[in-house]
Amino acid sequence: MRSLDTASRRVLLIAAIAFVAGPVRTAEARIPLKDICHVKGQEENTLQGLGIVVGLKGTGDSPGSAPSVRALAQAIQLLGTPAGKRGSPELKDDIKNVALVLVTATVPAAGARQGDKLDCTVASIGGAKSLAGGQLFITALQGPRVENDRVYAFAQGEIHLDDPKVPTTGKVFNGCRVEADFFNPFIKDGKITLVLERNHADFQLAQDIAELINSQLGFQTRSGEMARAMNQENIEVIVPAQYRDRPVSFVSQVLSLPMLEPQSVARVVINERAGSIVISGEIEIGTVVITHKNMVIDTSGQGTGGPASHFVPLDTSSNPPPKLKALVETLNTLKVPPEDVIEIIKGLDRNGKLHGELIIE
């Protein structure tokens, strides 16, 4: 392509979009069920609590922060020292070295046992300017449901900032000690529930999994069917009587069943902050002309002629529809900025010419 002057760039050829054929599959790939679903109850959980960070160098909460004053007074009383004759108000001048924080810790999907140590995250909820150099005062952490007041863990330790540019959040590595076993039951009413991962949730796939379990592990049940698809995401499976005392063995058999690898939904994921574009599947784009800044993009190849036109016609009768991947590669070759490529893709989607799912992060 010959170089174009500034005036000519108002109509720019996006050279003939290449058509990339997918690889020929000689055999259908099979994957175990555990690669696309999990057993309900085996999810991560969050422990949480309100605490205070001490030892700050005047970067803590403002003296007028009543919640911080009360929290400091309670901490002092827990150590067996009265807050003072006048109560917590006399501590207001010391608050600049203290910060009221939200403390959270994530319990793995497999649960946690008493004595296990977890990392915890600390985030200021007051007017603190920085948590640098601070120490988390011992903080009780409760489960997702705080109404029962059950304490599952205690957290304390030195604050390490995640990002110096955001000094009001940080971590305490291995600072959360689990005080009570934390496990989620995976059997309810003699059944387990398989949950399809979000990117695989589909009515047909759920039904296929139920039929696979019934055909491969067809134990006799009163209802006749051991597995039943409840919706596009959940498959309910009855635990056979012979496995009631050995549920882990049954679950391992179910999750190990091989099935044909499901076809993933064609989608493009865009992270506008990072300027990244991730394309999965062969996303086709329809016939459309998009004018964007100094470019005119024509996916049909039907140029209008004239000195300002640089369209290359495509033989649409013998070629498959153009692919988004090829369009993006061509734009990158022409050094089109990522933000412009993203706007073009969003324009295709708004026009109904992007034949796939668009996800903006």
Protein backbone atom coordinates (compact mmCIF):
# COMPACT_ATOMS: atom_id res chain seq x y z
CA MET A 1 0.00 0.00 0.00
CA ARG A 2 1.42 3.37 -0.93
CA SER A 3 1.74 6.01 1.76
CA LEU A 4 -1.13 8.44 2.10
CA ASP A 5 -0.98 12.15 2.83
CA THR A 6 -3.09 13.76 5.57
CA ALA A 7 -6.03 14.49 3.25
CA SER A 8 -6.06 10.97 1.84
CA ARG A 9 -6.15 9.38 5.29
CA ARG A 10 -9.80 10.39 5.66
CA VAL A 11 -10.59 7.26 3.68
CA LEU A 12 -8.19 4.47 4.56
CA LEU A 13 -8.15 0.95 3.24
CA ILE A 14 -8.33 -1.81 5.74
CA ALA A 15 -6.65 -4.25 3.37
CA ALA A 16 -8.50 -7.39 2.34
CA ILE A 17 -9.40 -9.11 5.60
CA ALA A 18 -7.72 -12.48 5.78
CA PHE A 19 -9.76 -15.56 6.38
CA VAL A 20 -8.24 -17.93 8.86
CA ALA A 21 -9.55 -21.47 8.75
CA GLY A 22 -9.63 -23.38 12.00
CA PRO A 23 -7.50 -26.49 12.43
CA VAL A 24 -8.97 -29.78 11.33
CA ARG A 25 -9.93 -31.87 14.34
CA THR A 26 -9.06 -35.50 13.81
CA ALA A 27 -10.71 -36.66 17.02
CA GLU A 28 -13.15 -35.19 19.49
CA ALA A 29 -11.38 -34.10 22.68
CA ARG A 30 -12.75 -35.36 25.98
CA ILE A 31 -12.41 -33.69 29.35
CA PRO A 32 -13.43 -34.71 32.90
CA LEU A 33 -16.50 -33.05 34.41
CA LYS A 34 -14.34 -31.45 37.10
CA ASP A 35 -12.85 -29.17 34.42
CA ILE A 36 -16.17 -27.43 33.77
CA CYS A 37 -18.14 -27.74 37.02
CA HIS A 38 -17.77 -28.02 40.78
CA VAL A 39 -19.83 -29.39 43.65
CA LYS A 40 -22.06 -26.85 45.37
CA GLY A 41 -20.70 -26.04 48.80
CA GLN A 42 -17.12 -26.10 47.59
CA GLU A 43 -16.77 -22.35 47.18
CA GLU A 44 -14.53 -19.75 48.72
CA ASN A 45 -15.88 -17.86 51.73
CA THR A 46 -14.95 -14.50 53.22
CA LEU A 47 -14.32 -13.81 56.89
CA GLN A 48 -14.60 -10.19 57.95
CA GLY A 49 -14.33 -7.87 60.92
CA LEU A 50 -13.67 -4.29 61.99
CA GLY A 51 -10.29 -3.57 63.53
CA ILE A 52 -7.79 -0.82 64.17
CA VAL A 53 -4.28 -0.25 62.91
CA VAL A 54 -1.90 1.27 65.46
CA GLY A 55 1.61 2.66 65.27
CA LEU A 56 1.03 5.15 62.47
CA LYS A 57 3.14 8.29 62.21
CA GLY A 58 0.38 10.85 62.30
CA THR A 59 -1.27 9.48 59.14
CA GLY A 60 -4.27 7.95 60.89
CA ASP A 61 -7.87 9.08 61.26
CA SER A 62 -8.84 12.64 62.07
CA PRO A 63 -9.43 13.64 65.73
CA GLY A 64 -13.12 14.18 65.03
CA SER A 65 -13.71 10.54 64.04
CA ALA A 66 -16.05 9.26 66.77
CA PRO A 67 -16.10 5.62 65.49
CA SER A 68 -12.31 5.48 65.62
CA VAL A 69 -12.28 6.89 69.14
CA ARG A 70 -14.79 4.27 70.31
CA ALA A 71 -12.83 1.46 68.63
CA LEU A 72 -9.60 2.56 70.32
CA ALA A 73 -11.37 2.77 73.68
CA GLN A 74 -12.71 -0.78 73.28
CA ALA A 75 -9.26 -2.06 72.34
CA ILE A 76 -7.75 -0.47 75.46
CA GLN A 77 -10.48 -1.98 77.63
CA LEU A 78 -9.85 -5.44 76.12
CA LEU A 79 -6.31 -5.17 77.45
CA GLY A 80 -7.68 -4.57 80.94
CA THR A 81 -7.01 -0.84 81.05
CA PRO A 82 -9.92 1.59 81.53
CA ALA A 83 -10.29 4.22 78.83
CA GLY A 84 -10.07 6.96 81.43
CA LYS A 85 -12.30 8.82 83.85
CA ARG A 86 -13.86 10.87 81.06
CA GLY A 87 -14.26 7.84 78.81
CA SER A 88 -13.29 7.63 75.16
CA PRO A 89 -13.40 11.40 74.31
CA GLU A 90 -10.03 11.87 76.03
CA LEU A 91 -8.48 9.63 73.34
CA LYS A 92 -9.42 11.89 70.47
CA ASP A 93 -5.98 13.50 70.30
CA ASP A 94 -4.35 10.07 69.83
CA ILE A 95 -6.45 9.05 66.85
CA LYS A 96 -4.00 10.49 64.32
CA ASN A 97 -1.77 7.48 65.06
CA VAL A 98 -4.67 4.99 64.68
CA ALA A 99 -6.89 3.98 61.75
CA LEU A 100 -10.22 2.18 61.74
CA VAL A 101 -10.07 -0.60 59.12
CA LEU A 102 -12.06 -3.38 57.50
CA VAL A 103 -10.25 -6.73 57.74
CA THR A 104 -11.11 -9.61 55.40
CA ALA A 105 -9.67 -13.07 54.81
CA THR A 106 -10.62 -15.63 52.17
CA VAL A 107 -11.17 -19.25 53.18
CA PRO A 108 -10.26 -21.62 50.30
CA ALA A 109 -12.96 -23.68 48.60
CA ALA A 110 -11.70 -26.78 50.43
CA GLY A 111 -12.23 -25.05 53.79
CA ALA A 112 -9.80 -24.52 56.66
CA ARG A 113 -8.91 -26.28 59.90
CA GLN A 114 -8.28 -24.84 63.32
CA GLY A 115 -4.73 -23.48 63.46
CA ASP A 116 -4.44 -22.77 59.73
CA LYS A 117 -3.01 -19.37 58.81
CA LEU A 118 -4.36 -17.21 56.00
CA ASP A 119 -3.40 -13.88 54.48
CA CYS A 120 -5.78 -11.05 55.28
CA THR A 121 -6.52 -7.74 53.60
CA VAL A 122 -6.79 -4.48 55.51
CA ALA A 123 -8.51 -1.36 54.14
CA SER A 124 -9.07 1.99 55.82
CA ILE A 125 -12.69 3.07 56.27
CA GLY A 126 -11.96 6.35 57.99
CA GLY A 127 -9.93 9.41 57.08
CA ALA A 128 -6.48 7.83 57.36
CA LYS A 129 -3.92 9.02 54.82
CA SER A 130 -1.63 5.98 55.01
CA LEU A 131 -1.32 2.62 56.77
CA ALA A 132 2.42 2.41 56.12
CA GLY A 133 4.36 1.17 59.14
CA GLY A 134 1.22 0.23 61.07
CA GLN A 135 0.32 -2.88 63.04
CA LEU A 136 -3.11 -4.51 62.97
CA PHE A 137 -4.45 -4.82 66.51
CA ILE A 138 -5.92 -8.26 67.22
CA THR A 139 -9.25 -8.41 65.38
CA ALA A 140 -12.04 -11.00 65.57
CA LEU A 141 -13.29 -12.22 62.18
CA GLN A 142 -16.78 -13.58 61.63
CA GLY A 143 -18.25 -15.60 58.79
CA PRO A 144 -20.42 -14.51 55.87
CA ARG A 145 -23.41 -14.44 58.22
CA VAL A 146 -22.51 -12.20 61.12
CA GLU A 147 -25.84 -12.38 62.91
CA ASN A 148 -24.78 -15.41 64.95
CA ASP A 149 -21.70 -13.57 66.31
CA ARG A 150 -19.55 -16.68 65.83
CA VAL A 151 -15.84 -15.89 65.59
CA TYR A 152 -13.96 -18.09 63.14
CA ALA A 153 -10.54 -16.43 63.25
CA PHE A 154 -8.37 -13.70 64.75
CA ALA A 155 -6.11 -11.45 62.71
CA GLN A 156 -3.14 -9.33 63.70
CA GLY A 157 0.31 -8.36 62.42
CA GLU A 158 2.40 -5.96 60.38
CA ILE A 159 0.80 -4.11 57.46
CA HIS A 160 2.44 -4.49 54.03
CA LEU A 161 1.17 -2.08 51.39
CA ASP A 162 -0.06 -3.66 48.13
CA ASP A 163 0.65 -0.51 46.15
CA PRO A 164 2.52 2.53 47.47
CA LYS A 165 0.24 4.66 45.30
CA VAL A 166 -2.74 3.41 47.35
CA PRO A 167 -1.40 3.57 50.92
CA THR A 168 -4.79 3.04 52.55
CA THR A 169 -4.94 -0.71 51.75
CA GLY A 170 -2.53 -3.49 52.57
CA LYS A 171 -2.04 -7.11 53.60
CA VAL A 172 -0.98 -9.03 56.66
CA PHE A 173 0.73 -12.18 55.42
CA ASN A 174 -0.28 -15.26 57.42
CA GLY A 175 -1.85 -12.81 59.83
CA CYS A 176 -5.20 -14.61 60.16
CA ARG A 177 -5.29 -17.64 62.44
CA VAL A 178 -8.34 -19.89 62.06
CA GLU A 179 -9.89 -20.71 65.44
CA ALA A 180 -12.73 -22.98 64.31
CA ASP A 181 -13.04 -25.53 61.53
CA PHE A 182 -14.67 -23.98 58.49
CA PHE A 183 -16.23 -26.43 56.06
CA ASN A 184 -19.24 -26.28 53.78
CA PRO A 185 -21.40 -29.41 53.53
CA PHE A 186 -21.63 -30.70 49.96
CA ILE A 187 -24.50 -33.15 50.53
CA LYS A 188 -28.03 -31.97 51.28
CA ASP A 189 -31.08 -34.23 51.53
CA GLY A 190 -29.06 -37.12 50.11
CA LYS A 191 -28.08 -35.17 46.97
CA ILE A 192 -25.17 -33.28 45.53
CA THR A 193 -25.48 -30.39 43.10
CA LEU A 194 -23.04 -29.89 40.28
CA VAL A 195 -22.59 -26.23 39.34
CA LEU A 196 -21.38 -25.36 35.86
CA GLU A 197 -18.70 -22.71 35.75
CA ARG A 198 -20.03 -19.33 34.65
CA ASN A 199 -18.49 -19.47 31.18
CA HIS A 200 -20.03 -22.89 30.51
CA ALA A 201 -23.55 -22.35 31.87
CA ASP A 202 -25.90 -23.64 29.16
CA PHE A 203 -29.20 -25.54 29.12
CA GLN A 204 -28.05 -28.09 26.56
CA LEU A 205 -24.75 -28.74 28.32
CA ALA A 206 -26.52 -29.20 31.67
CA GLN A 207 -28.86 -31.74 30.08
CA ASP A 208 -25.93 -33.54 28.41
CA ILE A 209 -24.16 -33.87 31.77
CA ALA A 210 -27.29 -35.28 33.43
CA GLU A 211 -27.65 -37.86 30.63
CA LEU A 212 -23.96 -38.75 30.88
CA ILE A 213 -24.22 -39.43 34.62
CA ASN A 214 -27.39 -41.48 34.17
CA SER A 215 -25.84 -43.60 31.41
CA GLN A 216 -22.45 -44.13 33.08
CA LEU A 217 -23.52 -44.38 36.73
CA GLY A 218 -27.08 -45.56 36.33
CA PHE A 219 -27.75 -46.72 39.88
CA GLN A 220 -31.40 -47.50 40.57
CA THR A 221 -33.30 -44.82 42.46
CA ARG A 222 -36.94 -44.41 43.39
CA SER A 223 -37.40 -41.61 40.89
CA GLY A 224 -35.74 -43.60 38.12
CA GLU A 225 -33.22 -40.88 37.19
CA MET A 226 -30.19 -40.33 39.36
CA ALA A 227 -29.22 -37.02 37.74
CA ARG A 228 -31.49 -34.20 36.63
CA ALA A 229 -30.69 -30.80 35.12
CA MET A 230 -32.45 -28.13 37.20
CA ASN A 231 -31.53 -25.17 34.98
CA GLN A 232 -28.68 -24.01 32.75
CA GLU A 233 -26.24 -24.02 35.67
CA ASN A 234 -27.22 -26.70 38.21
CA ILE A 235 -27.45 -30.48 37.91
CA GLU A 236 -28.88 -32.35 40.89
CA VAL A 237 -27.51 -35.85 41.53
CA ILE A 238 -28.92 -38.37 44.03
CA VAL A 239 -26.24 -40.14 46.09
CA PRO A 240 -26.94 -43.90 45.83
CA ALA A 241 -27.61 -45.78 49.06
CA GLN A 242 -24.40 -47.79 48.74
CA TYR A 243 -22.42 -44.53 48.80
CA ARG A 244 -24.17 -42.76 51.67
CA ASP A 245 -21.28 -43.67 53.98
CA ARG A 246 -18.68 -43.01 51.26
CA PRO A 247 -19.82 -39.78 49.57
CA VAL A 248 -16.29 -38.72 48.62
CA SER A 249 -15.85 -41.88 46.56
CA PHE A 250 -19.09 -41.19 44.70
CA VAL A 251 -18.26 -37.53 44.05
CA SER A 252 -14.83 -38.48 42.71
CA GLN A 253 -16.45 -40.90 40.25
CA VAL A 254 -18.91 -38.29 39.06
CA LEU A 255 -16.29 -35.58 38.57
CA SER A 256 -13.99 -37.99 36.72
CA LEU A 257 -16.55 -38.90 34.06
CA PRO A 258 -15.21 -37.95 30.62
CA MET A 259 -17.37 -36.03 28.18
CA LEU A 260 -16.93 -34.33 24.84
CA GLU A 261 -15.30 -30.94 25.25
CA PRO A 262 -18.11 -28.38 25.04
CA GLN A 263 -17.90 -25.73 22.38
CA SER A 264 -17.15 -22.44 24.07
CA VAL A 265 -19.22 -19.41 23.24
CA ALA A 266 -17.39 -17.11 20.85
CA ARG A 267 -16.63 -13.96 22.80
CA VAL A 268 -14.30 -10.99 22.91
CA VAL A 269 -13.21 -9.61 26.28
CA ILE A 270 -12.00 -6.01 26.39
CA ASN A 271 -10.19 -4.39 29.30
CA GLU A 272 -10.38 -0.69 28.50
CA ARG A 273 -7.97 0.37 31.24
CA ALA A 274 -5.23 -2.01 30.08
CA GLY A 275 -6.13 -1.66 26.40
CA SER A 276 -6.23 -5.46 26.00
CA ILE A 277 -8.44 -7.44 23.63
CA VAL A 278 -8.87 -11.20 24.08
CA ILE A 279 -10.74 -13.07 21.34
CA SER A 280 -11.93 -16.66 21.80
CA GLY A 281 -13.51 -18.66 19.04
CA GLU A 282 -13.96 -17.66 15.43
CA ILE A 283 -16.02 -14.50 15.82
CA GLU A 284 -17.45 -13.43 12.47
CA ILE A 285 -18.33 -9.86 11.55
CA GLY A 286 -21.06 -8.81 9.15
CA THR A 287 -20.98 -6.55 6.13
CA VAL A 288 -20.64 -3.02 7.44
CA VAL A 289 -18.88 0.27 6.81
CA ILE A 290 -17.61 2.11 9.90
CA THR A 291 -16.26 5.66 9.83
CA HIS A 292 -13.97 6.31 12.77
CA LYS A 293 -11.81 9.41 13.08
CA ASN A 294 -9.65 9.40 9.92
CA MET A 295 -10.60 5.89 8.83
CA VAL A 296 -13.37 4.29 6.80
CA ILE A 297 -13.51 0.56 7.35
CA ASP A 298 -15.36 -1.52 4.80
CA THR A 299 -15.76 -5.25 5.46
CA SER A 300 -17.67 -5.91 2.24
CA GLY A 301 -14.90 -4.89 -0.11
CA GLN A 302 -17.35 -2.94 -2.28
CA GLY A 303 -15.38 0.29 -2.80
CA THR A 304 -16.93 3.30 -4.46
CA GLY A 305 -13.99 4.05 -6.73
CA GLY A 306 -12.26 7.38 -7.18
CA PRO A 307 -8.83 8.58 -6.18
CA ALA A 308 -9.64 8.68 -2.46
CA SER A 309 -10.90 5.09 -2.31
CA HIS A 310 -8.56 2.21 -1.56
CA PHE A 311 -11.01 -0.64 -1.08
CA VAL A 312 -10.15 -4.12 -2.29
CA PRO A 313 -13.29 -6.04 -3.31
CA LEU A 314 -13.82 -9.46 -1.75
CA ASP A 315 -15.45 -12.38 -3.49
CA THR A 316 -18.14 -13.00 -0.88
CA SER A 317 -19.65 -15.79 -2.97
CA SER A 318 -16.65 -18.08 -2.50
CA ASN A 319 -15.16 -16.84 0.75
CA PRO A 320 -16.52 -17.27 4.28
CA PRO A 321 -17.52 -14.17 6.28
CA PRO A 322 -14.63 -12.05 7.60
CA LYS A 323 -13.32 -12.76 11.07
CA LEU A 324 -12.83 -10.27 13.90
CA LYS A 325 -9.38 -11.67 14.59
CA ALA A 326 -8.24 -10.86 11.07
CA LEU A 327 -9.67 -7.34 11.32
CA VAL A 328 -7.84 -6.69 14.61
CA GLU A 329 -4.59 -8.05 13.17
CA THR A 330 -4.93 -5.73 10.17
CA LEU A 331 -5.61 -2.72 12.41
CA ASN A 332 -2.56 -3.57 14.49
CA THR A 333 -0.46 -3.82 11.33
CA LEU A 334 -1.58 -0.31 10.42
CA LYS A 335 -0.59 0.82 13.95
CA VAL A 336 -4.11 1.85 14.91
CA PRO A 337 -4.10 2.75 18.65
CA PRO A 338 -5.70 0.16 20.96
CA GLU A 339 -8.35 2.63 22.12
CA ASP A 340 -9.45 3.12 18.49
CA VAL A 341 -9.56 -0.64 17.88
CA ILE A 342 -11.75 -1.01 20.96
CA GLU A 343 -14.13 1.71 19.73
CA ILE A 344 -14.39 -0.01 16.35
CA ILE A 345 -15.29 -3.33 17.98
CA LYS A 346 -17.89 -1.61 20.17
CA GLY A 347 -19.31 0.02 17.05
CA LEU A 348 -19.61 -3.38 15.35
CA ASP A 349 -21.45 -4.71 18.40
CA ARG A 350 -23.87 -1.76 18.56
CA ASN A 351 -24.62 -2.23 14.86
CA GLY A 352 -25.39 -5.92 15.33
CA LYS A 353 -22.46 -6.93 13.12
CA LEU A 354 -20.37 -8.60 15.80
CA HIS A 355 -21.49 -12.24 15.79
CA GLY A 356 -20.28 -13.10 19.27
CA GLU A 357 -20.49 -11.99 22.91
CA LEU A 358 -18.80 -8.73 23.89
CA ILE A 359 -17.62 -8.35 27.49
CA ILE A 360 -16.29 -4.98 28.71
CA GLU A 361 -14.21 -5.07 31.90
